[in-house]
């Protein structure tokens, strides 16, 4: 008997930051700040299914049930080095054709601003989608130049990112997360 897999129908994006003397607890606080601490998170790869609708964080959080297995794509970065700049980002690229799949990319970095990390994650998702759609572009071009190529092609309808960055204060660990949460 052939079984069909789980295909998410909705997705939302969230981010958070947490600090604590213990690394694991700082991660839990980042999850709490993002509103997803009550879920059993399962990290998956990078595909946005066809016809998957993006919904608001507020609406998505209302649909979560405590203890449920929740699939996500997550970027995560942690350090206890004072004055260290941390960033975690998730980028998303959706094709114009809703019957086609899109891409999500996760990115984490030290020393990148929120804008730099967000642009990078968004660029990666768009580049993966572009290669699938047969859009030719130079990976070394600036993001603005690539965005114009994507717009002109008419095959990528929108890109976006959610990014969390912060500077580590002294006295413990700091964790930043960004996540795309799938709902069924």
N, C-alpha and C. Protein backbone atom coordinates (compact mmCIF):
# COMPACT_ATOMS: atom_id res chain seq x y z
N UNK A 1 0.85 -1.18 0.00
CA UNK A 1 0.00 0.00 0.00
C UNK A 1 0.89 1.24 0.00
N UNK A 2 0.61 2.16 -0.89
CA UNK A 2 1.38 3.39 -0.99
C UNK A 2 0.78 4.44 -0.06
N UNK A 3 1.61 5.00 0.81
CA UNK A 3 1.13 6.04 1.74
C UNK A 3 1.62 7.39 1.26
N UNK A 4 0.75 8.37 1.33
CA UNK A 4 1.15 9.74 1.00
C UNK A 4 1.81 10.35 2.23
N UNK A 5 2.77 11.23 1.98
CA UNK A 5 3.45 11.90 3.08
C UNK A 5 2.66 13.10 3.58
N UNK A 6 3.17 13.69 4.61
CA UNK A 6 2.57 14.90 5.17
C UNK A 6 2.95 16.09 4.30
N UNK A 7 1.98 16.88 3.91
CA UNK A 7 2.24 18.07 3.11
C UNK A 7 1.65 19.28 3.84
N UNK A 8 2.50 20.17 4.32
CA UNK A 8 1.99 21.36 5.01
C UNK A 8 1.15 22.22 4.08
N UNK A 9 0.14 22.86 4.64
CA UNK A 9 -0.75 23.74 3.88
C UNK A 9 -0.56 25.21 4.24
N UNK A 10 0.08 25.46 5.40
CA UNK A 10 0.32 26.83 5.84
C UNK A 10 1.72 26.91 6.44
N UNK A 11 2.26 28.12 6.44
CA UNK A 11 3.59 28.36 7.00
C UNK A 11 3.59 29.74 7.63
N UNK A 12 4.32 29.89 8.74
CA UNK A 12 4.54 31.22 9.30
C UNK A 12 5.98 31.34 9.75
N UNK A 13 6.41 32.57 9.95
CA UNK A 13 7.80 32.87 10.29
C UNK A 13 7.86 33.53 11.66
N UNK A 14 8.90 33.18 12.41
CA UNK A 14 9.08 33.74 13.74
C UNK A 14 10.56 33.84 14.06
N UNK A 15 10.88 34.58 15.11
CA UNK A 15 12.28 34.76 15.52
C UNK A 15 12.31 35.02 17.01
N UNK A 16 13.50 34.83 17.61
CA UNK A 16 13.62 35.07 19.04
C UNK A 16 15.07 35.14 19.49
N UNK A 17 15.23 35.66 20.69
CA UNK A 17 16.55 35.77 21.32
C UNK A 17 16.39 35.38 22.79
N UNK A 18 17.40 34.68 23.32
CA UNK A 18 17.36 34.29 24.73
C UNK A 18 18.75 34.31 25.33
N UNK A 19 18.80 34.62 26.61
CA UNK A 19 20.08 34.62 27.33
C UNK A 19 19.94 33.85 28.64
N UNK A 20 21.02 33.19 29.04
CA UNK A 20 21.07 32.47 30.30
C UNK A 20 22.49 31.99 30.53
N UNK A 21 22.82 31.64 31.74
CA UNK A 21 24.19 31.16 32.02
C UNK A 21 24.46 29.81 31.36
N UNK A 22 23.39 29.03 31.11
CA UNK A 22 23.53 27.73 30.44
C UNK A 22 23.11 27.86 28.98
N UNK A 23 23.86 27.23 28.09
CA UNK A 23 23.58 27.33 26.66
C UNK A 23 22.20 26.78 26.30
N UNK A 24 21.86 25.60 26.82
CA UNK A 24 20.56 25.00 26.51
C UNK A 24 19.40 25.88 26.97
N UNK A 25 19.55 26.45 28.14
CA UNK A 25 18.49 27.31 28.66
C UNK A 25 18.36 28.59 27.83
N UNK A 26 19.49 29.10 27.32
CA UNK A 26 19.40 30.29 26.46
C UNK A 26 18.65 29.95 25.17
N UNK A 27 18.83 28.73 24.65
CA UNK A 27 18.09 28.28 23.47
C UNK A 27 16.59 28.20 23.79
N UNK A 28 16.26 27.62 24.93
CA UNK A 28 14.85 27.52 25.33
C UNK A 28 14.22 28.90 25.45
N UNK A 29 14.96 29.85 25.98
CA UNK A 29 14.44 31.23 26.09
C UNK A 29 14.26 31.88 24.72
N UNK A 30 15.13 31.56 23.79
CA UNK A 30 14.95 32.08 22.42
C UNK A 30 13.69 31.47 21.80
N UNK A 31 13.47 30.17 22.02
CA UNK A 31 12.24 29.53 21.54
C UNK A 31 11.02 30.17 22.18
N UNK A 32 11.10 30.44 23.47
CA UNK A 32 9.98 31.08 24.19
C UNK A 32 9.72 32.48 23.62
N UNK A 33 10.78 33.23 23.37
CA UNK A 33 10.65 34.57 22.80
C UNK A 33 9.99 34.51 21.42
N UNK A 34 10.26 33.43 20.68
CA UNK A 34 9.66 33.24 19.35
C UNK A 34 8.25 32.66 19.43
N UNK A 35 7.86 32.16 20.61
CA UNK A 35 6.52 31.61 20.80
C UNK A 35 6.37 30.14 20.46
N UNK A 36 7.49 29.43 20.26
CA UNK A 36 7.41 28.03 19.82
C UNK A 36 8.03 27.05 20.82
N UNK A 37 8.21 27.48 22.05
CA UNK A 37 8.87 26.64 23.05
C UNK A 37 8.05 25.43 23.46
N UNK A 38 6.76 25.46 23.24
CA UNK A 38 5.90 24.37 23.72
C UNK A 38 5.76 23.23 22.70
N UNK A 39 6.50 23.33 21.58
CA UNK A 39 6.40 22.33 20.52
C UNK A 39 7.63 21.42 20.50
N UNK A 40 7.43 20.21 20.00
CA UNK A 40 8.53 19.30 19.74
C UNK A 40 8.97 19.55 18.31
N UNK A 41 10.03 20.32 18.17
CA UNK A 41 10.45 20.79 16.85
C UNK A 41 11.27 19.72 16.12
N UNK A 42 10.92 19.53 14.86
CA UNK A 42 11.64 18.62 13.98
C UNK A 42 12.14 19.46 12.81
N UNK A 43 13.45 19.56 12.67
CA UNK A 43 14.00 20.38 11.59
C UNK A 43 13.99 19.59 10.29
N UNK A 44 13.51 20.26 9.25
CA UNK A 44 13.43 19.67 7.92
C UNK A 44 14.19 20.55 6.95
N UNK A 45 14.29 20.09 5.71
CA UNK A 45 15.04 20.86 4.73
C UNK A 45 14.20 21.99 4.14
N UNK A 46 14.36 22.29 2.90
CA UNK A 46 14.11 23.63 2.41
C UNK A 46 12.95 23.84 1.45
N UNK A 47 11.97 22.96 1.38
CA UNK A 47 10.93 23.10 0.37
C UNK A 47 9.64 23.66 0.94
N UNK A 48 9.10 24.69 0.26
CA UNK A 48 7.76 25.20 0.54
C UNK A 48 6.84 24.48 -0.45
N UNK A 49 5.90 23.67 0.04
CA UNK A 49 5.06 22.90 -0.89
C UNK A 49 4.20 23.79 -1.79
N UNK A 50 3.80 23.27 -2.95
CA UNK A 50 2.87 24.01 -3.80
C UNK A 50 1.59 24.35 -3.01
N UNK A 51 1.04 25.50 -3.26
CA UNK A 51 -0.22 25.96 -2.66
C UNK A 51 -0.13 26.18 -1.14
N UNK A 52 1.06 26.22 -0.58
CA UNK A 52 1.24 26.46 0.86
C UNK A 52 1.10 27.97 1.10
N UNK A 53 0.16 28.34 1.94
CA UNK A 53 -0.11 29.76 2.21
C UNK A 53 0.74 30.28 3.37
N UNK A 54 1.26 31.48 3.21
CA UNK A 54 1.97 32.15 4.29
C UNK A 54 0.93 32.87 5.14
N UNK A 55 0.96 32.59 6.45
CA UNK A 55 0.03 33.25 7.37
C UNK A 55 0.83 34.06 8.39
N UNK A 56 0.14 34.88 9.15
CA UNK A 56 0.81 35.73 10.14
C UNK A 56 1.32 34.89 11.32
N UNK A 57 2.31 35.42 11.99
CA UNK A 57 2.84 34.76 13.18
C UNK A 57 1.75 34.60 14.23
N UNK A 58 0.97 35.65 14.45
CA UNK A 58 -0.08 35.61 15.47
C UNK A 58 -1.07 34.48 15.18
N UNK A 59 -1.50 34.36 13.94
CA UNK A 59 -2.44 33.30 13.57
C UNK A 59 -1.78 31.93 13.70
N UNK A 60 -0.54 31.81 13.25
CA UNK A 60 0.17 30.54 13.34
C UNK A 60 0.36 30.07 14.77
N UNK A 61 0.74 30.98 15.65
CA UNK A 61 0.96 30.61 17.05
C UNK A 61 -0.34 30.10 17.68
N UNK A 62 -1.48 30.67 17.30
CA UNK A 62 -2.77 30.23 17.84
C UNK A 62 -3.10 28.80 17.44
N UNK A 63 -2.57 28.35 16.31
CA UNK A 63 -2.87 27.01 15.82
C UNK A 63 -1.99 25.93 16.43
N UNK A 64 -0.91 26.31 17.10
CA UNK A 64 -0.01 25.32 17.69
C UNK A 64 -0.64 24.70 18.93
N UNK A 65 -0.38 23.41 19.13
CA UNK A 65 -0.87 22.68 20.29
C UNK A 65 0.35 22.25 21.11
N UNK A 66 0.31 22.47 22.40
CA UNK A 66 1.42 22.10 23.27
C UNK A 66 1.78 20.63 23.12
N UNK A 67 3.06 20.37 22.89
CA UNK A 67 3.56 19.01 22.78
C UNK A 67 3.51 18.42 21.39
N UNK A 68 2.87 19.11 20.44
CA UNK A 68 2.76 18.52 19.10
C UNK A 68 4.11 18.47 18.40
N UNK A 69 4.25 17.50 17.50
CA UNK A 69 5.42 17.42 16.63
C UNK A 69 5.25 18.53 15.60
N UNK A 70 6.21 19.44 15.52
CA UNK A 70 6.10 20.62 14.67
C UNK A 70 7.32 20.67 13.76
N UNK A 71 7.07 20.65 12.46
CA UNK A 71 8.15 20.70 11.49
C UNK A 71 8.55 22.14 11.22
N UNK A 72 9.85 22.37 11.10
CA UNK A 72 10.34 23.73 10.90
C UNK A 72 11.67 23.72 10.13
N UNK A 73 11.98 24.87 9.57
CA UNK A 73 13.32 25.16 9.07
C UNK A 73 13.85 26.24 10.00
N UNK A 74 15.01 26.02 10.62
CA UNK A 74 15.49 26.94 11.65
C UNK A 74 16.95 27.32 11.46
N UNK A 75 17.24 28.60 11.62
CA UNK A 75 18.59 29.09 11.74
C UNK A 75 18.84 29.37 13.21
N UNK A 76 20.03 29.04 13.70
CA UNK A 76 20.32 29.18 15.14
C UNK A 76 21.79 29.53 15.32
N UNK A 77 22.06 30.50 16.20
CA UNK A 77 23.43 30.89 16.49
C UNK A 77 23.55 31.20 17.98
N UNK A 78 24.65 30.76 18.59
CA UNK A 78 24.82 30.93 20.03
C UNK A 78 26.28 31.24 20.36
N UNK A 79 26.48 32.07 21.39
CA UNK A 79 27.83 32.36 21.86
C UNK A 79 27.77 32.87 23.30
N UNK A 80 28.89 32.75 24.00
CA UNK A 80 29.04 33.38 25.31
C UNK A 80 30.20 34.38 25.31
N UNK A 81 30.64 34.76 24.11
CA UNK A 81 31.73 35.71 23.96
C UNK A 81 31.18 37.14 24.01
N UNK A 82 31.49 37.90 25.06
CA UNK A 82 30.94 39.26 25.16
C UNK A 82 31.24 40.11 23.93
N UNK A 83 30.29 40.90 23.53
CA UNK A 83 30.34 41.85 22.41
C UNK A 83 30.35 41.16 21.04
N UNK A 84 30.06 39.87 21.00
CA UNK A 84 30.00 39.14 19.73
C UNK A 84 28.64 39.40 19.07
N UNK A 85 28.66 39.72 17.78
CA UNK A 85 27.43 39.95 17.02
C UNK A 85 26.95 38.62 16.45
N UNK A 86 25.72 38.25 16.77
CA UNK A 86 25.12 36.99 16.32
C UNK A 86 23.95 37.29 15.39
N UNK A 87 23.73 36.42 14.42
CA UNK A 87 22.55 36.54 13.56
C UNK A 87 22.07 35.16 13.14
N UNK A 88 20.76 35.00 13.09
CA UNK A 88 20.12 33.80 12.55
C UNK A 88 19.01 34.27 11.63
N UNK A 89 18.89 33.62 10.48
CA UNK A 89 17.92 34.07 9.49
C UNK A 89 17.33 32.90 8.73
N UNK A 90 16.11 33.10 8.26
CA UNK A 90 15.46 32.17 7.35
C UNK A 90 14.97 32.99 6.17
N UNK A 91 15.38 32.61 4.96
CA UNK A 91 14.93 33.28 3.75
C UNK A 91 13.92 32.40 3.02
N UNK A 92 13.06 33.02 2.24
CA UNK A 92 12.02 32.29 1.53
C UNK A 92 11.84 32.87 0.13
N UNK A 93 11.66 32.01 -0.86
CA UNK A 93 11.39 32.43 -2.23
C UNK A 93 10.22 31.60 -2.75
N UNK A 94 9.20 32.29 -3.24
CA UNK A 94 7.97 31.66 -3.71
C UNK A 94 7.83 31.89 -5.21
N UNK A 95 7.54 30.84 -5.98
CA UNK A 95 7.38 31.01 -7.43
C UNK A 95 6.03 31.63 -7.78
N UNK A 96 5.96 32.25 -8.93
CA UNK A 96 4.71 32.81 -9.42
C UNK A 96 3.67 31.72 -9.61
N UNK A 97 4.09 30.59 -10.16
CA UNK A 97 3.20 29.45 -10.38
C UNK A 97 2.96 28.75 -9.05
N UNK A 98 1.75 28.91 -8.51
CA UNK A 98 1.44 28.34 -7.19
C UNK A 98 1.43 26.81 -7.17
N UNK A 99 1.42 26.19 -8.35
CA UNK A 99 1.47 24.73 -8.42
C UNK A 99 2.91 24.22 -8.31
N UNK A 100 3.88 25.13 -8.28
CA UNK A 100 5.29 24.77 -8.12
C UNK A 100 5.72 24.98 -6.68
N UNK A 101 6.80 24.36 -6.31
CA UNK A 101 7.30 24.51 -4.94
C UNK A 101 8.28 25.66 -4.84
N UNK A 102 8.42 26.20 -3.63
CA UNK A 102 9.37 27.26 -3.34
C UNK A 102 10.50 26.74 -2.45
N UNK A 103 11.35 27.67 -2.04
CA UNK A 103 12.51 27.30 -1.23
C UNK A 103 12.61 28.14 0.03
N UNK A 104 13.15 27.51 1.07
CA UNK A 104 13.51 28.19 2.32
C UNK A 104 14.98 27.91 2.55
N UNK A 105 15.70 28.93 3.01
CA UNK A 105 17.10 28.72 3.37
C UNK A 105 17.30 29.18 4.80
N UNK A 106 18.13 28.47 5.54
CA UNK A 106 18.48 28.89 6.89
C UNK A 106 19.93 29.35 6.88
N UNK A 107 20.20 30.36 7.69
CA UNK A 107 21.54 30.94 7.72
C UNK A 107 21.82 31.41 9.15
N UNK A 108 23.04 31.21 9.58
CA UNK A 108 23.47 31.75 10.88
C UNK A 108 24.91 32.25 10.71
N UNK A 109 25.23 33.32 11.43
CA UNK A 109 26.55 33.92 11.23
C UNK A 109 26.98 34.73 12.45
N UNK A 110 28.28 34.86 12.58
CA UNK A 110 28.87 35.78 13.54
C UNK A 110 29.33 37.01 12.76
N UNK A 111 29.13 38.18 13.32
CA UNK A 111 29.65 39.40 12.72
C UNK A 111 28.79 40.00 11.62
N UNK A 112 27.62 39.45 11.34
CA UNK A 112 26.74 40.03 10.34
C UNK A 112 25.60 40.77 11.02
N UNK A 113 25.24 41.91 10.43
CA UNK A 113 24.09 42.65 10.94
C UNK A 113 22.81 41.91 10.56
N UNK A 114 21.71 42.37 11.12
CA UNK A 114 20.41 41.78 10.79
C UNK A 114 20.13 41.90 9.30
N UNK A 115 20.41 43.04 8.72
CA UNK A 115 20.18 43.26 7.29
C UNK A 115 21.07 42.37 6.44
N UNK A 116 22.36 42.28 6.78
CA UNK A 116 23.28 41.45 6.01
C UNK A 116 22.86 39.98 6.03
N UNK A 117 22.54 39.48 7.21
CA UNK A 117 22.14 38.07 7.34
C UNK A 117 20.81 37.82 6.63
N UNK A 118 19.86 38.74 6.77
CA UNK A 118 18.56 38.59 6.11
C UNK A 118 18.68 38.59 4.60
N UNK A 119 19.46 39.55 4.07
CA UNK A 119 19.67 39.60 2.62
C UNK A 119 20.33 38.33 2.11
N UNK A 120 21.29 37.81 2.87
CA UNK A 120 22.01 36.61 2.46
C UNK A 120 21.06 35.41 2.41
N UNK A 121 20.26 35.22 3.46
CA UNK A 121 19.32 34.10 3.51
C UNK A 121 18.29 34.20 2.39
N UNK A 122 17.78 35.39 2.16
CA UNK A 122 16.79 35.62 1.10
C UNK A 122 17.41 35.33 -0.26
N UNK A 123 18.64 35.78 -0.44
CA UNK A 123 19.37 35.55 -1.68
C UNK A 123 19.58 34.06 -1.93
N UNK A 124 19.94 33.31 -0.90
CA UNK A 124 20.15 31.86 -1.06
C UNK A 124 18.86 31.17 -1.49
N UNK A 125 17.74 31.52 -0.84
CA UNK A 125 16.46 30.90 -1.20
C UNK A 125 16.10 31.23 -2.64
N UNK A 126 16.27 32.48 -3.03
CA UNK A 126 15.95 32.90 -4.40
C UNK A 126 16.87 32.21 -5.41
N UNK A 127 18.14 32.06 -5.06
CA UNK A 127 19.09 31.40 -5.97
C UNK A 127 18.73 29.94 -6.17
N UNK A 128 18.34 29.25 -5.10
CA UNK A 128 17.94 27.85 -5.22
C UNK A 128 16.69 27.71 -6.09
N UNK A 129 15.72 28.60 -5.87
CA UNK A 129 14.51 28.57 -6.67
C UNK A 129 14.82 28.91 -8.13
N UNK A 130 15.64 29.92 -8.34
CA UNK A 130 16.00 30.33 -9.70
C UNK A 130 16.64 29.19 -10.47
N UNK A 131 17.54 28.44 -9.82
CA UNK A 131 18.20 27.34 -10.52
C UNK A 131 17.19 26.26 -10.90
N UNK A 132 16.21 26.02 -10.06
CA UNK A 132 15.15 25.06 -10.35
C UNK A 132 14.29 25.51 -11.53
N UNK A 133 14.05 26.82 -11.61
CA UNK A 133 13.19 27.38 -12.65
C UNK A 133 13.93 27.68 -13.95
N UNK A 134 15.25 27.47 -13.96
CA UNK A 134 16.03 27.72 -15.16
C UNK A 134 16.34 29.18 -15.41
N UNK A 135 16.32 29.99 -14.36
CA UNK A 135 16.68 31.41 -14.48
C UNK A 135 18.19 31.52 -14.39
N UNK A 136 18.80 32.12 -15.39
CA UNK A 136 20.25 32.25 -15.45
C UNK A 136 20.68 33.55 -14.78
N UNK A 137 21.61 33.48 -13.85
CA UNK A 137 22.15 34.69 -13.24
C UNK A 137 23.53 34.41 -12.70
N UNK A 138 24.26 35.48 -12.47
CA UNK A 138 25.62 35.41 -11.95
C UNK A 138 25.57 35.46 -10.43
N UNK A 139 26.06 34.42 -9.77
CA UNK A 139 26.01 34.36 -8.31
C UNK A 139 26.83 35.46 -7.65
N UNK A 140 27.76 36.06 -8.38
CA UNK A 140 28.60 37.11 -7.82
C UNK A 140 27.99 38.50 -7.95
N UNK A 141 26.85 38.63 -8.62
CA UNK A 141 26.20 39.94 -8.73
C UNK A 141 25.62 40.34 -7.39
N UNK A 142 25.36 41.62 -7.24
CA UNK A 142 24.76 42.11 -6.00
C UNK A 142 23.32 41.63 -5.91
N UNK A 143 22.78 41.61 -4.69
CA UNK A 143 21.40 41.18 -4.47
C UNK A 143 20.43 42.04 -5.28
N UNK A 144 20.65 43.36 -5.34
CA UNK A 144 19.76 44.24 -6.10
C UNK A 144 19.74 43.87 -7.58
N UNK A 145 20.89 43.54 -8.14
CA UNK A 145 20.96 43.14 -9.55
C UNK A 145 20.23 41.82 -9.78
N UNK A 146 20.41 40.87 -8.86
CA UNK A 146 19.72 39.59 -8.99
C UNK A 146 18.21 39.76 -8.85
N UNK A 147 17.80 40.63 -7.93
CA UNK A 147 16.37 40.88 -7.73
C UNK A 147 15.72 41.36 -9.02
N UNK A 148 16.42 42.21 -9.75
CA UNK A 148 15.90 42.70 -11.03
C UNK A 148 15.75 41.57 -12.04
N UNK A 149 16.72 40.66 -12.07
CA UNK A 149 16.65 39.51 -12.99
C UNK A 149 15.45 38.64 -12.62
N UNK A 150 15.25 38.42 -11.32
CA UNK A 150 14.12 37.60 -10.87
C UNK A 150 12.79 38.26 -11.27
N UNK A 151 12.69 39.58 -11.07
CA UNK A 151 11.46 40.31 -11.43
C UNK A 151 11.20 40.24 -12.93
N UNK A 152 12.24 40.45 -13.71
CA UNK A 152 12.11 40.44 -15.16
C UNK A 152 11.68 39.06 -15.66
N UNK A 153 12.18 38.00 -15.03
CA UNK A 153 11.85 36.64 -15.47
C UNK A 153 10.37 36.34 -15.28
N UNK A 154 9.73 36.98 -14.29
CA UNK A 154 8.32 36.74 -14.01
C UNK A 154 8.04 35.40 -13.35
N UNK A 155 9.08 34.67 -12.97
CA UNK A 155 8.90 33.33 -12.41
C UNK A 155 8.94 33.30 -10.88
N UNK A 156 9.51 34.34 -10.25
CA UNK A 156 9.57 34.39 -8.79
C UNK A 156 8.68 35.54 -8.35
N UNK A 157 7.64 35.22 -7.58
CA UNK A 157 6.66 36.23 -7.21
C UNK A 157 7.12 37.07 -6.01
N UNK A 158 7.76 36.42 -5.05
CA UNK A 158 8.22 37.20 -3.89
C UNK A 158 9.29 36.45 -3.11
N UNK A 159 10.10 37.26 -2.44
CA UNK A 159 11.08 36.73 -1.50
C UNK A 159 10.90 37.47 -0.20
N UNK A 160 11.36 36.85 0.87
CA UNK A 160 11.27 37.48 2.19
C UNK A 160 12.26 36.81 3.12
N UNK A 161 12.45 37.42 4.28
CA UNK A 161 13.27 36.79 5.31
C UNK A 161 12.76 37.20 6.67
N UNK A 162 13.09 36.41 7.66
CA UNK A 162 12.91 36.78 9.06
C UNK A 162 14.27 36.55 9.70
N UNK A 163 14.73 37.56 10.42
CA UNK A 163 16.10 37.54 10.94
C UNK A 163 16.14 38.09 12.35
N UNK A 164 16.94 37.45 13.20
CA UNK A 164 17.17 37.94 14.56
C UNK A 164 18.67 38.12 14.75
N UNK A 165 19.05 39.29 15.21
CA UNK A 165 20.46 39.51 15.54
C UNK A 165 20.54 40.20 16.89
N UNK A 166 21.67 40.06 17.52
CA UNK A 166 21.90 40.72 18.80
C UNK A 166 23.39 40.69 19.10
N UNK A 167 23.78 41.47 20.07
CA UNK A 167 25.16 41.47 20.56
C UNK A 167 25.18 40.79 21.93
N UNK A 168 26.10 39.86 22.12
CA UNK A 168 26.20 39.11 23.37
C UNK A 168 26.65 40.05 24.49
N UNK A 169 25.91 40.03 25.57
CA UNK A 169 26.31 40.75 26.79
C UNK A 169 27.16 39.80 27.62
N UNK A 170 27.83 40.28 28.61
CA UNK A 170 28.64 39.42 29.48
C UNK A 170 27.77 38.59 30.40
N UNK A 171 28.32 37.51 30.93
CA UNK A 171 27.64 36.75 31.98
C UNK A 171 26.80 35.58 31.53
N UNK A 172 27.05 35.02 30.39
CA UNK A 172 26.29 33.84 29.99
C UNK A 172 26.21 33.69 28.49
N UNK A 173 25.34 32.79 28.08
CA UNK A 173 25.13 32.50 26.66
C UNK A 173 23.97 33.31 26.11
N UNK A 174 24.08 33.62 24.84
CA UNK A 174 22.99 34.26 24.10
C UNK A 174 22.75 33.41 22.86
N UNK A 175 21.47 33.14 22.59
CA UNK A 175 21.07 32.37 21.41
C UNK A 175 20.07 33.20 20.61
N UNK A 176 20.25 33.22 19.29
CA UNK A 176 19.27 33.81 18.38
C UNK A 176 18.76 32.72 17.47
N UNK A 177 17.46 32.79 17.16
CA UNK A 177 16.86 31.83 16.24
C UNK A 177 15.95 32.56 15.26
N UNK A 178 15.78 31.97 14.11
CA UNK A 178 14.78 32.40 13.13
C UNK A 178 14.21 31.09 12.57
N UNK A 179 12.89 31.05 12.37
CA UNK A 179 12.28 29.79 11.95
C UNK A 179 11.08 29.98 11.05
N UNK A 180 10.92 29.04 10.14
CA UNK A 180 9.72 28.89 9.33
C UNK A 180 9.00 27.67 9.90
N UNK A 181 7.77 27.86 10.34
CA UNK A 181 7.00 26.82 11.00
C UNK A 181 5.90 26.32 10.05
N UNK A 182 5.88 25.01 9.83
CA UNK A 182 4.88 24.40 8.95
C UNK A 182 3.65 23.97 9.73
N UNK A 183 2.49 24.19 9.16
CA UNK A 183 1.21 23.76 9.77
C UNK A 183 0.45 22.91 8.76
N UNK A 184 -0.29 21.93 9.29
CA UNK A 184 -1.04 20.99 8.44
C UNK A 184 -2.53 21.26 8.48
